[in-house]
Structure formats: structure tokens, C-alpha cells
Amino acid sequence: MVGHAVRNDGGGVFDDIGDLGRGDAIKVQGSDSTLNYRVKSVDVLSKDELARNAEEIFAQTGAGRLVVISCEGWDGTAWRSNVVTIAAPV
């Protein structure tokens, strides 16, 4: 799952994703159901680190999980890093 953070006035779906911590709950609501997850890790990765770890981060094997990625590190002209939050179903 990928969404935006908005640097000025907010309003991005993931503005506060960097405030999550290990053990926090995430609920993903659909039209018919809600899926519940518990945060396992929150990491800020540079663009290079994200690219180097992409195979692991985006792996489609193993236990089910939720991976939430958003922008981080606004330097006044560009986003320099990403917040990568990984959560397990509960």
C-alpha cells in the first residue's frame, strides 16, 4: 500500500504514518469488511536503501503482511527518503 504525505498543510492519507510504532494497530476498511494488523516495524529508508531492499520489502512469499510506504525527509525541493511500515495480521 502506497500513499502520500503532504509537506505543507497536510491532507495526505499517510501524513502521520511516521508516528506509528511497534505494536500499534492498523485497520484497513473496505466496503464489506475490516482487516486488522499490528505494526512490527517502522523504518525510514533512503531512496538507495529502499531500492537495495526492494526484493525483501515487496516479497510475495511467506506469511501475509501489510507494507505501508510513504514519503519522508522533505528538504525543501524533494522527498529524500521513505517511511516503510510493516504490519502483521491479527
PDB file of N, CA and C in Angstrom:
ATOM      1  N   MET A   1       0.851  -1.153   0.000  1.00  0.00           N
ATOM      2  CA  MET A   1       0.000   0.000   0.000  1.00  0.00           C
ATOM      3  C   MET A   1       0.909   1.232   0.000  1.00  0.00           C
ATOM      4  N   VAL A   2       0.669   2.124  -0.907  1.00  0.00           N
ATOM      5  CA  VAL A   2       1.474   3.340  -1.027  1.00  0.00           C
ATOM      6  C   VAL A   2       0.529   4.538  -1.007  1.00  0.00           C
ATOM      7  N   GLY A   3       0.908   5.590  -0.292  1.00  0.00           N
ATOM      8  CA  GLY A   3       0.098   6.803  -0.241  1.00  0.00           C
ATOM      9  C   GLY A   3       0.987   8.000  -0.034  1.00  0.00           C
ATOM     10  N   HIS A   4       0.389   9.161  -0.053  1.00  0.00           N
ATOM     11  CA  HIS A   4       1.155  10.399   0.038  1.00  0.00           C
ATOM     12  C   HIS A   4       1.116  11.019   1.426  1.00  0.00           C
ATOM     13  N   ALA A   5       2.175  11.700   1.744  1.00  0.00           N
ATOM     14  CA  ALA A   5       2.226  12.651   2.849  1.00  0.00           C
ATOM     15  C   ALA A   5       2.282  14.024   2.183  1.00  0.00           C
ATOM     16  N   VAL A   6       1.725  15.026   2.823  1.00  0.00           N
ATOM     17  CA  VAL A   6       1.711  16.371   2.246  1.00  0.00           C
ATOM     18  C   VAL A   6       2.512  17.287   3.156  1.00  0.00           C
ATOM     19  N   ARG A   7       3.536  17.927   2.630  1.00  0.00           N
ATOM     20  CA  ARG A   7       4.529  18.631   3.437  1.00  0.00           C
ATOM     21  C   ARG A   7       4.047  19.926   4.065  1.00  0.00           C
ATOM     22  N   ASN A   8       3.137  20.624   3.457  1.00  0.00           N
ATOM     23  CA  ASN A   8       2.744  21.939   3.978  1.00  0.00           C
ATOM     24  C   ASN A   8       1.575  21.842   4.952  1.00  0.00           C
ATOM     25  N   ASP A   9       0.383  21.826   4.434  1.00  0.00           N
ATOM     26  CA  ASP A   9      -0.814  21.875   5.262  1.00  0.00           C
ATOM     27  C   ASP A   9      -1.366  20.509   5.616  1.00  0.00           C
ATOM     28  N   GLY A  10      -0.690  19.461   5.219  1.00  0.00           N
ATOM     29  CA  GLY A  10      -1.214  18.130   5.491  1.00  0.00           C
ATOM     30  C   GLY A  10      -2.294  17.766   4.497  1.00  0.00           C
ATOM     31  N   GLY A  11      -3.042  16.751   4.834  1.00  0.00           N
ATOM     32  CA  GLY A  11      -4.108  16.310   3.955  1.00  0.00           C
ATOM     33  C   GLY A  11      -3.778  15.052   3.191  1.00  0.00           C
ATOM     34  N   GLY A  12      -2.530  14.571   3.291  1.00  0.00           N
ATOM     35  CA  GLY A  12      -2.168  13.315   2.655  1.00  0.00           C
ATOM     36  C   GLY A  12      -2.632  12.153   3.513  1.00  0.00           C
ATOM     37  N   VAL A  13      -3.047  11.076   2.885  1.00  0.00           N
ATOM     38  CA  VAL A  13      -3.572   9.922   3.602  1.00  0.00           C
ATOM     39  C   VAL A  13      -2.562   9.354   4.610  1.00  0.00           C
ATOM     40  N   PHE A  14      -1.262   9.531   4.361  1.00  0.00           N
ATOM     41  CA  PHE A  14      -0.247   8.970   5.239  1.00  0.00           C
ATOM     42  C   PHE A  14       0.586  10.044   5.943  1.00  0.00           C
ATOM     43  N   ASP A  15       0.021  11.210   6.187  1.00  0.00           N
ATOM     44  CA  ASP A  15       0.756  12.284   6.867  1.00  0.00           C
ATOM     45  C   ASP A  15       1.365  11.823   8.190  1.00  0.00           C
ATOM     46  N   ASP A  16       0.662  10.966   8.925  1.00  0.00           N
ATOM     47  CA  ASP A  16       1.097  10.584  10.267  1.00  0.00           C
ATOM     48  C   ASP A  16       1.688   9.182  10.347  1.00  0.00           C
ATOM     49  N   ILE A  17       1.965   8.571   9.228  1.00  0.00           N
ATOM     50  CA  ILE A  17       2.441   7.183   9.239  1.00  0.00           C
ATOM     51  C   ILE A  17       3.764   7.048  10.003  1.00  0.00           C
ATOM     52  N   GLY A  18       4.594   8.068   9.974  1.00  0.00           N
ATOM     53  CA  GLY A  18       5.867   8.019  10.691  1.00  0.00           C
ATOM     54  C   GLY A  18       5.712   8.054  12.201  1.00  0.00           C
ATOM     55  N   ASP A  19       4.501   8.381  12.688  1.00  0.00           N
ATOM     56  CA  ASP A  19       4.237   8.411  14.126  1.00  0.00           C
ATOM     57  C   ASP A  19       3.882   7.042  14.687  1.00  0.00           C
ATOM     58  N   LEU A  20       3.642   6.060  13.814  1.00  0.00           N
ATOM     59  CA  LEU A  20       3.328   4.719  14.287  1.00  0.00           C
ATOM     60  C   LEU A  20       4.553   4.083  14.926  1.00  0.00           C
ATOM     61  N   GLY A  21       4.313   3.164  15.832  1.00  0.00           N
ATOM     62  CA  GLY A  21       5.398   2.428  16.468  1.00  0.00           C
ATOM     63  C   GLY A  21       5.056   0.959  16.574  1.00  0.00           C
ATOM     64  N   ARG A  22       6.043   0.169  16.909  1.00  0.00           N
ATOM     65  CA  ARG A  22       5.862  -1.278  17.068  1.00  0.00           C
ATOM     66  C   ARG A  22       4.711  -1.533  18.042  1.00  0.00           C
ATOM     67  N   GLY A  23       3.785  -2.404  17.635  1.00  0.00           N
ATOM     68  CA  GLY A  23       2.651  -2.763  18.469  1.00  0.00           C
ATOM     69  C   GLY A  23       1.386  -1.971  18.191  1.00  0.00           C
ATOM     70  N   ASP A  24       1.487  -0.856  17.463  1.00  0.00           N
ATOM     71  CA  ASP A  24       0.300  -0.067  17.138  1.00  0.00           C
ATOM     72  C   ASP A  24      -0.613  -0.838  16.189  1.00  0.00           C
ATOM     73  N   ALA A  25      -1.911  -0.525  16.251  1.00  0.00           N
ATOM     74  CA  ALA A  25      -2.898  -1.175  15.399  1.00  0.00           C
ATOM     75  C   ALA A  25      -3.118  -0.373  14.122  1.00  0.00           C
ATOM     76  N   ILE A  26      -3.340  -1.096  13.030  1.00  0.00           N
ATOM     77  CA  ILE A  26      -3.750  -0.504  11.749  1.00  0.00           C
ATOM     78  C   ILE A  26      -5.004  -1.241  11.312  1.00  0.00           C
ATOM     79  N   LYS A  27      -6.032  -0.485  10.942  1.00  0.00           N
ATOM     80  CA  LYS A  27      -7.257  -1.065  10.408  1.00  0.00           C
ATOM     81  C   LYS A  27      -7.396  -0.628   8.964  1.00  0.00           C
ATOM     82  N   VAL A  28      -7.632  -1.590   8.087  1.00  0.00           N
ATOM     83  CA  VAL A  28      -7.872  -1.313   6.674  1.00  0.00           C
ATOM     84  C   VAL A  28      -9.340  -1.630   6.428  1.00  0.00           C
ATOM     85  N   GLN A  29     -10.116  -0.585   6.153  1.00  0.00           N
ATOM     86  CA  GLN A  29     -11.552  -0.756   5.984  1.00  0.00           C
ATOM     87  C   GLN A  29     -11.934  -0.789   4.517  1.00  0.00           C
ATOM     88  N   GLY A  30     -12.708  -1.794   4.181  1.00  0.00           N
ATOM     89  CA  GLY A  30     -13.266  -1.915   2.849  1.00  0.00           C
ATOM     90  C   GLY A  30     -14.769  -1.736   2.922  1.00  0.00           C
ATOM     91  N   SER A  31     -15.442  -1.913   1.820  1.00  0.00           N
ATOM     92  CA  SER A  31     -16.889  -1.724   1.812  1.00  0.00           C
ATOM     93  C   SER A  31     -17.616  -2.801   2.608  1.00  0.00           C
ATOM     94  N   ASP A  32     -17.037  -4.016   2.689  1.00  0.00           N
ATOM     95  CA  ASP A  32     -17.705  -5.130   3.365  1.00  0.00           C
ATOM     96  C   ASP A  32     -17.020  -5.587   4.642  1.00  0.00           C
ATOM     97  N   SER A  33     -15.753  -5.235   4.817  1.00  0.00           N
ATOM     98  CA  SER A  33     -15.023  -5.806   5.945  1.00  0.00           C
ATOM     99  C   SER A  33     -13.879  -4.897   6.380  1.00  0.00           C
ATOM    100  N   THR A  34     -13.326  -5.245   7.526  1.00  0.00           N
ATOM    101  CA  THR A  34     -12.168  -4.543   8.060  1.00  0.00           C
ATOM    102  C   THR A  34     -11.080  -5.570   8.342  1.00  0.00           C
ATOM    103  N   LEU A  35      -9.861  -5.287   7.899  1.00  0.00           N
ATOM    104  CA  LEU A  35      -8.713  -6.126   8.186  1.00  0.00           C
ATOM    105  C   LEU A  35      -7.884  -5.434   9.262  1.00  0.00           C
ATOM    106  N   ASN A  36      -7.464  -6.185  10.266  1.00  0.00           N
ATOM    107  CA  ASN A  36      -6.718  -5.639  11.390  1.00  0.00           C
ATOM    108  C   ASN A  36      -5.282  -6.131  11.374  1.00  0.00           C
ATOM    109  N   TYR A  37      -4.360  -5.213  11.625  1.00  0.00           N
ATOM    110  CA  TYR A  37      -2.928  -5.518  11.616  1.00  0.00           C
ATOM    111  C   TYR A  37      -2.274  -4.925  12.855  1.00  0.00           C
ATOM    112  N   ARG A  38      -1.114  -5.469  13.221  1.00  0.00           N
ATOM    113  CA  ARG A  38      -0.302  -4.941  14.313  1.00  0.00           C
ATOM    114  C   ARG A  38       1.068  -4.611  13.740  1.00  0.00           C
ATOM    115  N   VAL A  39       1.548  -3.371  13.990  1.00  0.00           N
ATOM    116  CA  VAL A  39       2.828  -2.905  13.453  1.00  0.00           C
ATOM    117  C   VAL A  39       3.980  -3.718  14.047  1.00  0.00           C
ATOM    118  N   LYS A  40       4.822  -4.230  13.161  1.00  0.00           N
ATOM    119  CA  LYS A  40       6.026  -4.967  13.554  1.00  0.00           C
ATOM    120  C   LYS A  40       7.276  -4.108  13.441  1.00  0.00           C
ATOM    121  N   SER A  41       7.313  -3.199  12.455  1.00  0.00           N
ATOM    122  CA  SER A  41       8.483  -2.339  12.284  1.00  0.00           C
ATOM    123  C   SER A  41       8.117  -1.076  11.529  1.00  0.00           C
ATOM    124  N   VAL A  42       8.838   0.001  11.849  1.00  0.00           N
ATOM    125  CA  VAL A  42       8.734   1.276  11.131  1.00  0.00           C
ATOM    126  C   VAL A  42      10.163   1.743  10.898  1.00  0.00           C
ATOM    127  N   ASP A  43      10.547   1.870   9.639  1.00  0.00           N
ATOM    128  CA  ASP A  43      11.907   2.277   9.291  1.00  0.00           C
ATOM    129  C   ASP A  43      11.874   3.417   8.288  1.00  0.00           C
ATOM    130  N   VAL A  44      12.796   4.350   8.430  1.00  0.00           N
ATOM    131  CA  VAL A  44      12.991   5.395   7.431  1.00  0.00           C
ATOM    132  C   VAL A  44      14.191   4.979   6.594  1.00  0.00           C
ATOM    133  N   LEU A  45      13.956   4.811   5.292  1.00  0.00           N
ATOM    134  CA  LEU A  45      14.997   4.356   4.376  1.00  0.00           C
ATOM    135  C   LEU A  45      15.254   5.410   3.311  1.00  0.00           C
ATOM    136  N   SER A  46      16.524   5.604   2.984  1.00  0.00           N
ATOM    137  CA  SER A  46      16.854   6.480   1.864  1.00  0.00           C
ATOM    138  C   SER A  46      16.344   5.822   0.585  1.00  0.00           C
ATOM    139  N   LYS A  47      16.289   6.591  -0.485  1.00  0.00           N
ATOM    140  CA  LYS A  47      15.856   6.025  -1.769  1.00  0.00           C
ATOM    141  C   LYS A  47      16.752   4.852  -2.174  1.00  0.00           C
ATOM    142  N   ASP A  48      18.069   4.979  -1.933  1.00  0.00           N
ATOM    143  CA  ASP A  48      19.002   3.894  -2.261  1.00  0.00           C
ATOM    144  C   ASP A  48      18.751   2.659  -1.403  1.00  0.00           C
ATOM    145  N   GLU A  49      18.505   2.856  -0.106  1.00  0.00           N
ATOM    146  CA  GLU A  49      18.225   1.720   0.780  1.00  0.00           C
ATOM    147  C   GLU A  49      16.930   1.020   0.374  1.00  0.00           C
ATOM    148  N   LEU A  50      15.919   1.804   0.017  1.00  0.00           N
ATOM    149  CA  LEU A  50      14.658   1.216  -0.431  1.00  0.00           C
ATOM    150  C   LEU A  50      14.883   0.374  -1.678  1.00  0.00           C
ATOM    151  N   ALA A  51      15.655   0.882  -2.618  1.00  0.00           N
ATOM    152  CA  ALA A  51      15.948   0.133  -3.841  1.00  0.00           C
ATOM    153  C   ALA A  51      16.727  -1.147  -3.531  1.00  0.00           C
ATOM    154  N   ARG A  52      17.725  -1.057  -2.643  1.00  0.00           N
ATOM    155  CA  ARG A  52      18.519  -2.245  -2.290  1.00  0.00           C
ATOM    156  C   ARG A  52      17.685  -3.308  -1.591  1.00  0.00           C
ATOM    157  N   ASN A  53      16.684  -2.907  -0.837  1.00  0.00           N
ATOM    158  CA  ASN A  53      15.865  -3.836  -0.062  1.00  0.00           C
ATOM    159  C   ASN A  53      14.513  -4.136  -0.702  1.00  0.00           C
ATOM    160  N   ALA A  54      14.303  -3.675  -1.926  1.00  0.00           N
ATOM    161  CA  ALA A  54      13.005  -3.804  -2.581  1.00  0.00           C
ATOM    162  C   ALA A  54      12.544  -5.255  -2.696  1.00  0.00           C
ATOM    163  N   GLU A  55      13.428  -6.158  -3.012  1.00  0.00           N
ATOM    164  CA  GLU A  55      13.033  -7.557  -3.177  1.00  0.00           C
ATOM    165  C   GLU A  55      12.433  -8.108  -1.880  1.00  0.00           C
ATOM    166  N   GLU A  56      13.055  -7.797  -0.763  1.00  0.00           N
ATOM    167  CA  GLU A  56      12.553  -8.254   0.540  1.00  0.00           C
ATOM    168  C   GLU A  56      11.274  -7.501   0.935  1.00  0.00           C
ATOM    169  N   ILE A  57      11.270  -6.195   0.757  1.00  0.00           N
ATOM    170  CA  ILE A  57      10.113  -5.379   1.155  1.00  0.00           C
ATOM    171  C   ILE A  57       8.870  -5.769   0.376  1.00  0.00           C
ATOM    172  N   PHE A  58       9.019  -6.006  -0.917  1.00  0.00           N
ATOM    173  CA  PHE A  58       7.869  -6.298  -1.774  1.00  0.00           C
ATOM    174  C   PHE A  58       7.664  -7.787  -2.041  1.00  0.00           C
ATOM    175  N   ALA A  59       8.336  -8.660  -1.289  1.00  0.00           N
ATOM    176  CA  ALA A  59       8.229 -10.108  -1.485  1.00  0.00           C
ATOM    177  C   ALA A  59       6.773 -10.562  -1.381  1.00  0.00           C
ATOM    178  N   GLN A  60       6.407 -11.470  -2.237  1.00  0.00           N
ATOM    179  CA  GLN A  60       5.045 -12.018  -2.252  1.00  0.00           C
ATOM    180  C   GLN A  60       4.997 -13.421  -1.649  1.00  0.00           C
ATOM    181  N   THR A  61       6.070 -13.832  -0.981  1.00  0.00           N
ATOM    182  CA  THR A  61       6.122 -15.145  -0.355  1.00  0.00           C
ATOM    183  C   THR A  61       6.101 -14.978   1.159  1.00  0.00           C
ATOM    184  N   GLY A  62       5.883 -16.074   1.857  1.00  0.00           N
ATOM    185  CA  GLY A  62       5.882 -16.023   3.317  1.00  0.00           C
ATOM    186  C   GLY A  62       4.522 -15.660   3.862  1.00  0.00           C
ATOM    187  N   ALA A  63       4.505 -15.371   5.162  1.00  0.00           N
ATOM    188  CA  ALA A  63       3.253 -15.034   5.838  1.00  0.00           C
ATOM    189  C   ALA A  63       2.680 -13.724   5.302  1.00  0.00           C
ATOM    190  N   GLY A  64       1.346 -13.623   5.335  1.00  0.00           N
ATOM    191  CA  GLY A  64       0.686 -12.401   4.904  1.00  0.00           C
ATOM    192  C   GLY A  64       1.106 -11.223   5.781  1.00  0.00           C
ATOM    193  N   ARG A  65       1.144 -10.043   5.183  1.00  0.00           N
ATOM    194  CA  ARG A  65       1.524  -8.840   5.914  1.00  0.00           C
ATOM    195  C   ARG A  65       1.048  -7.623   5.145  1.00  0.00           C
ATOM    196  N   LEU A  66       1.085  -6.503   5.809  1.00  0.00           N
ATOM    197  CA  LEU A  66       0.754  -5.228   5.202  1.00  0.00           C
ATOM    198  C   LEU A  66       2.023  -4.390   5.183  1.00  0.00           C
ATOM    199  N   VAL A  67       2.366  -3.862   4.029  1.00  0.00           N
ATOM    200  CA  VAL A  67       3.518  -2.968   3.899  1.00  0.00           C
ATOM    201  C   VAL A  67       2.982  -1.608   3.465  1.00  0.00           C
ATOM    202  N   VAL A  68       3.221  -0.593   4.289  1.00  0.00           N
ATOM    203  CA  VAL A  68       2.744   0.759   4.011  1.00  0.00           C
ATOM    204  C   VAL A  68       3.966   1.645   3.797  1.00  0.00           C
ATOM    205  N   ILE A  69       4.011   2.338   2.664  1.00  0.00           N
ATOM    206  CA  ILE A  69       5.167   3.169   2.314  1.00  0.00           C
ATOM    207  C   ILE A  69       4.691   4.580   1.998  1.00  0.00           C
ATOM    208  N   SER A  70       5.410   5.556   2.540  1.00  0.00           N
ATOM    209  CA  SER A  70       5.106   6.944   2.243  1.00  0.00           C
ATOM    210  C   SER A  70       6.397   7.762   2.195  1.00  0.00           C
ATOM    211  N   CYS A  71       6.257   9.004   1.806  1.00  0.00           N
ATOM    212  CA  CYS A  71       7.389   9.920   1.682  1.00  0.00           C
ATOM    213  C   CYS A  71       7.862  10.422   3.043  1.00  0.00           C
ATOM    214  N   GLU A  72       9.126  10.770   3.119  1.00  0.00           N
ATOM    215  CA  GLU A  72       9.743  11.309   4.335  1.00  0.00           C
ATOM    216  C   GLU A  72      10.955  12.133   3.901  1.00  0.00           C
ATOM    217  N   GLY A  73      11.401  13.010   4.760  1.00  0.00           N
ATOM    218  CA  GLY A  73      12.644  13.731   4.512  1.00  0.00           C
ATOM    219  C   GLY A  73      12.555  14.838   3.489  1.00  0.00           C
ATOM    220  N   TRP A  74      11.515  15.654   3.560  1.00  0.00           N
ATOM    221  CA  TRP A  74      11.383  16.783   2.639  1.00  0.00           C
ATOM    222  C   TRP A  74      12.501  17.782   2.903  1.00  0.00           C
ATOM    223  N   ASP A  75      13.281  18.113   1.887  1.00  0.00           N
ATOM    224  CA  ASP A  75      14.412  19.036   2.065  1.00  0.00           C
ATOM    225  C   ASP A  75      14.138  20.420   1.482  1.00  0.00           C
ATOM    226  N   GLY A  76      12.887  20.670   1.124  1.00  0.00           N
ATOM    227  CA  GLY A  76      12.520  21.950   0.529  1.00  0.00           C
ATOM    228  C   GLY A  76      12.357  21.875  -0.974  1.00  0.00           C
ATOM    229  N   THR A  77      12.900  20.826  -1.575  1.00  0.00           N
ATOM    230  CA  THR A  77      12.752  20.659  -3.022  1.00  0.00           C
ATOM    231  C   THR A  77      12.311  19.249  -3.414  1.00  0.00           C
ATOM    232  N   ALA A  78      12.603  18.263  -2.579  1.00  0.00           N
ATOM    233  CA  ALA A  78      12.267  16.875  -2.916  1.00  0.00           C
ATOM    234  C   ALA A  78      12.200  16.025  -1.653  1.00  0.00           C
ATOM    235  N   TRP A  79      11.493  14.904  -1.766  1.00  0.00           N
ATOM    236  CA  TRP A  79      11.473  13.903  -0.697  1.00  0.00           C
ATOM    237  C   TRP A  79      12.738  13.062  -0.832  1.00  0.00           C
ATOM    238  N   ARG A  80      13.481  12.896   0.251  1.00  0.00           N
ATOM    239  CA  ARG A  80      14.762  12.194   0.209  1.00  0.00           C
ATOM    240  C   ARG A  80      14.717  10.773   0.739  1.00  0.00           C
ATOM    241  N   SER A  81      13.614  10.392   1.405  1.00  0.00           N
ATOM    242  CA  SER A  81      13.539   9.050   1.990  1.00  0.00           C
ATOM    243  C   SER A  81      12.084   8.609   2.050  1.00  0.00           C
ATOM    244  N   ASN A  82      11.898   7.389   2.543  1.00  0.00           N
ATOM    245  CA  ASN A  82      10.561   6.826   2.683  1.00  0.00           C
ATOM    246  C   ASN A  82      10.403   6.188   4.051  1.00  0.00           C
ATOM    247  N   VAL A  83       9.195   6.283   4.602  1.00  0.00           N
ATOM    248  CA  VAL A  83       8.844   5.545   5.806  1.00  0.00           C
ATOM    249  C   VAL A  83       8.268   4.210   5.321  1.00  0.00           C
ATOM    250  N   VAL A  84       8.832   3.117   5.825  1.00  0.00           N
ATOM    251  CA  VAL A  84       8.363   1.770   5.465  1.00  0.00           C
ATOM    252  C   VAL A  84       7.835   1.126   6.747  1.00  0.00           C
ATOM    253  N   THR A  85       6.535   0.905   6.790  1.00  0.00           N
ATOM    254  CA  THR A  85       5.873   0.313   7.949  1.00  0.00           C
ATOM    255  C   THR A  85       5.394  -1.082   7.563  1.00  0.00           C
ATOM    256  N   ILE A  86       5.777  -2.074   8.357  1.00  0.00           N
ATOM    257  CA  ILE A  86       5.374  -3.454   8.097  1.00  0.00           C
ATOM    258  C   ILE A  86       4.526  -3.931   9.268  1.00  0.00           C
ATOM    259  N   ALA A  87       3.367  -4.498   8.952  1.00  0.00           N
ATOM    260  CA  ALA A  87       2.421  -4.951   9.971  1.00  0.00           C
ATOM    261  C   ALA A  87       1.943  -6.373   9.655  1.00  0.00           C
ATOM    262  N   ALA A  88       1.644  -7.124  10.699  1.00  0.00           N
ATOM    263  CA  ALA A  88       1.156  -8.492  10.564  1.00  0.00           C
ATOM    264  C   ALA A  88      -0.330  -8.542  10.889  1.00  0.00           C
ATOM    265  N   PRO A  89      -1.069  -9.449  10.234  1.00  0.00           N
ATOM    266  CA  PRO A  89      -2.491  -9.566  10.550  1.00  0.00           C
ATOM    267  C   PRO A  89      -2.701 -10.059  11.984  1.00  0.00           C
ATOM    268  N   VAL A  90      -3.801  -9.616  12.589  1.00  0.00           N
ATOM    269  CA  VAL A  90      -4.164 -10.094  13.937  1.00  0.00           C
ATOM    270  C   VAL A  90      -5.500 -10.799  13.870  1.00  0.00           C
TER     271      VAL A  90
END
